[in-house]
C-alpha cells in the first residue's frame, strides 16, 4: 500500500501534465513542459472567448477559479465548459483511502 501511495504522489512530478491549448474553441491536446503543473482556462470578459493552455504562462498557484481564470492540476482538466476540479479531488480521495487501508 505504501508503494501505491508513493507512486500516486510521485507520478505527477515525473510525467508532464496534458492540457487543452488554444483560443476560442480551436484547441489541441498538448503535453506541457515538466515545469507546468496546472492547466488553465481564461475568459476574462466572460464572453465565451476563451484561452486554454499550460499553467506556467499564467498565475496558477492552486486549483480553482478567480475572476475569469480557472486552474486545475489533472490531465485535460481544462476541457469542460463548467470546469471542475473533479480529477484532483479524485486523486486526493484515492490517496486518503490508500492510507486508511493500511
Protein backbone atom coordinates (compact mmCIF):
# COMPACT_ATOMS: atom_id res chain seq x y z
CA UNK A 1 0.00 0.00 0.00
CA UNK A 2 2.80 2.42 0.79
CA UNK A 3 4.31 1.82 -2.64
CA UNK A 4 0.97 2.66 -4.27
CA UNK A 5 0.70 5.87 -2.27
CA UNK A 6 4.29 6.78 -3.14
CA UNK A 7 3.60 6.24 -6.84
CA UNK A 8 0.43 8.35 -6.67
CA UNK A 9 2.41 11.21 -5.16
CA UNK A 10 5.44 10.80 -7.44
CA UNK A 11 3.63 10.30 -10.76
CA UNK A 12 2.51 13.92 -11.27
CA UNK A 13 6.09 15.13 -10.78
CA UNK A 14 7.53 12.65 -13.30
CA UNK A 15 5.02 12.76 -16.15
CA UNK A 16 4.17 16.16 -17.63
CA UNK A 17 0.57 17.27 -17.33
CA UNK A 18 -1.51 17.24 -20.52
CA UNK A 19 -3.85 20.13 -21.28
CA UNK A 20 -6.00 21.60 -23.98
CA UNK A 21 -4.31 24.64 -25.52
CA UNK A 22 -5.56 27.25 -27.96
CA UNK A 23 -8.11 30.02 -28.40
CA UNK A 24 -11.84 30.29 -28.92
CA UNK A 25 -12.85 26.65 -29.49
CA UNK A 26 -9.78 25.83 -31.61
CA UNK A 27 -7.99 23.62 -29.08
CA UNK A 28 -5.29 20.98 -29.35
CA UNK A 29 -4.25 18.34 -26.84
CA UNK A 30 -0.70 19.14 -25.73
CA UNK A 31 1.87 17.66 -23.37
CA UNK A 32 3.09 20.54 -21.24
CA UNK A 33 6.60 21.20 -20.00
CA UNK A 34 7.66 19.26 -16.91
CA UNK A 35 7.72 22.64 -15.15
CA UNK A 36 3.98 23.08 -15.73
CA UNK A 37 1.77 21.65 -13.02
CA UNK A 38 -1.51 23.30 -13.99
CA UNK A 39 -3.84 23.61 -16.93
CA UNK A 40 -5.77 26.84 -17.22
CA UNK A 41 -8.85 28.28 -18.86
CA UNK A 42 -9.03 32.05 -19.23
CA UNK A 43 -12.17 34.01 -20.07
CA UNK A 44 -11.54 37.45 -18.52
CA UNK A 45 -14.62 39.13 -20.00
CA UNK A 46 -16.81 36.05 -19.52
CA UNK A 47 -17.96 36.50 -23.10
CA UNK A 48 -17.22 32.96 -24.29
CA UNK A 49 -13.90 33.87 -25.93
CA UNK A 50 -11.57 31.57 -24.04
CA UNK A 51 -7.90 30.74 -23.99
CA UNK A 52 -6.68 27.39 -22.68
CA UNK A 53 -3.17 26.18 -22.01
CA UNK A 54 -0.47 25.09 -19.58
CA UNK A 55 -0.15 26.86 -16.23
CA UNK A 56 3.37 28.28 -16.36
CA UNK A 57 2.20 31.04 -18.73
CA UNK A 58 -0.32 32.46 -16.25
CA UNK A 59 -0.60 32.80 -12.48
CA UNK A 60 -1.83 29.38 -11.39
CA UNK A 61 -0.88 28.54 -7.83
CA UNK A 62 -3.68 26.13 -6.86
CA UNK A 63 -6.81 24.51 -8.26
CA UNK A 64 -9.81 26.80 -8.53
CA UNK A 65 -11.19 29.89 -10.21
CA UNK A 66 -10.71 33.58 -9.61
CA UNK A 67 -12.33 36.11 -11.88
CA UNK A 68 -12.09 34.74 -15.39
CA UNK A 69 -9.11 32.44 -14.68
CA UNK A 70 -9.56 28.78 -13.73
CA UNK A 71 -6.64 26.48 -12.90
CA UNK A 72 -6.59 22.72 -12.39
CA UNK A 73 -3.98 20.01 -11.99
CA UNK A 74 -5.32 16.94 -13.83
CA UNK A 75 -4.75 15.80 -17.39
CA UNK A 76 -7.09 17.63 -19.79
CA UNK A 77 -8.96 19.09 -16.82
CA UNK A 78 -9.46 22.40 -18.67
CA UNK A 79 -11.79 20.80 -21.22
CA UNK A 80 -15.27 21.22 -19.81
CA UNK A 81 -17.25 24.45 -20.11
CA UNK A 82 -18.33 24.04 -16.49
CA UNK A 83 -14.71 23.46 -15.41
CA UNK A 84 -14.47 21.45 -12.22
CA UNK A 85 -11.59 20.21 -10.12
CA UNK A 86 -13.02 16.68 -10.02
CA UNK A 87 -9.80 14.98 -11.16
CA UNK A 88 -7.78 16.49 -8.31
CA UNK A 89 -10.41 15.54 -5.75
CA UNK A 90 -10.44 12.00 -7.10
CA UNK A 91 -6.66 11.70 -6.69
CA UNK A 92 -6.76 13.03 -3.12
CA UNK A 93 -9.61 10.64 -2.27
CA UNK A 94 -7.68 7.66 -3.67
CA UNK A 95 -4.59 8.59 -1.66
CA UNK A 96 -6.64 9.01 1.52
CA UNK A 97 -8.32 5.64 1.01
CA UNK A 98 -4.92 4.01 0.47
CA UNK A 99 -3.65 5.49 3.74
CA UNK A 100 -6.73 4.41 5.67
CA UNK A 101 -6.48 0.88 4.28
CA UNK A 102 -3.08 0.25 5.89
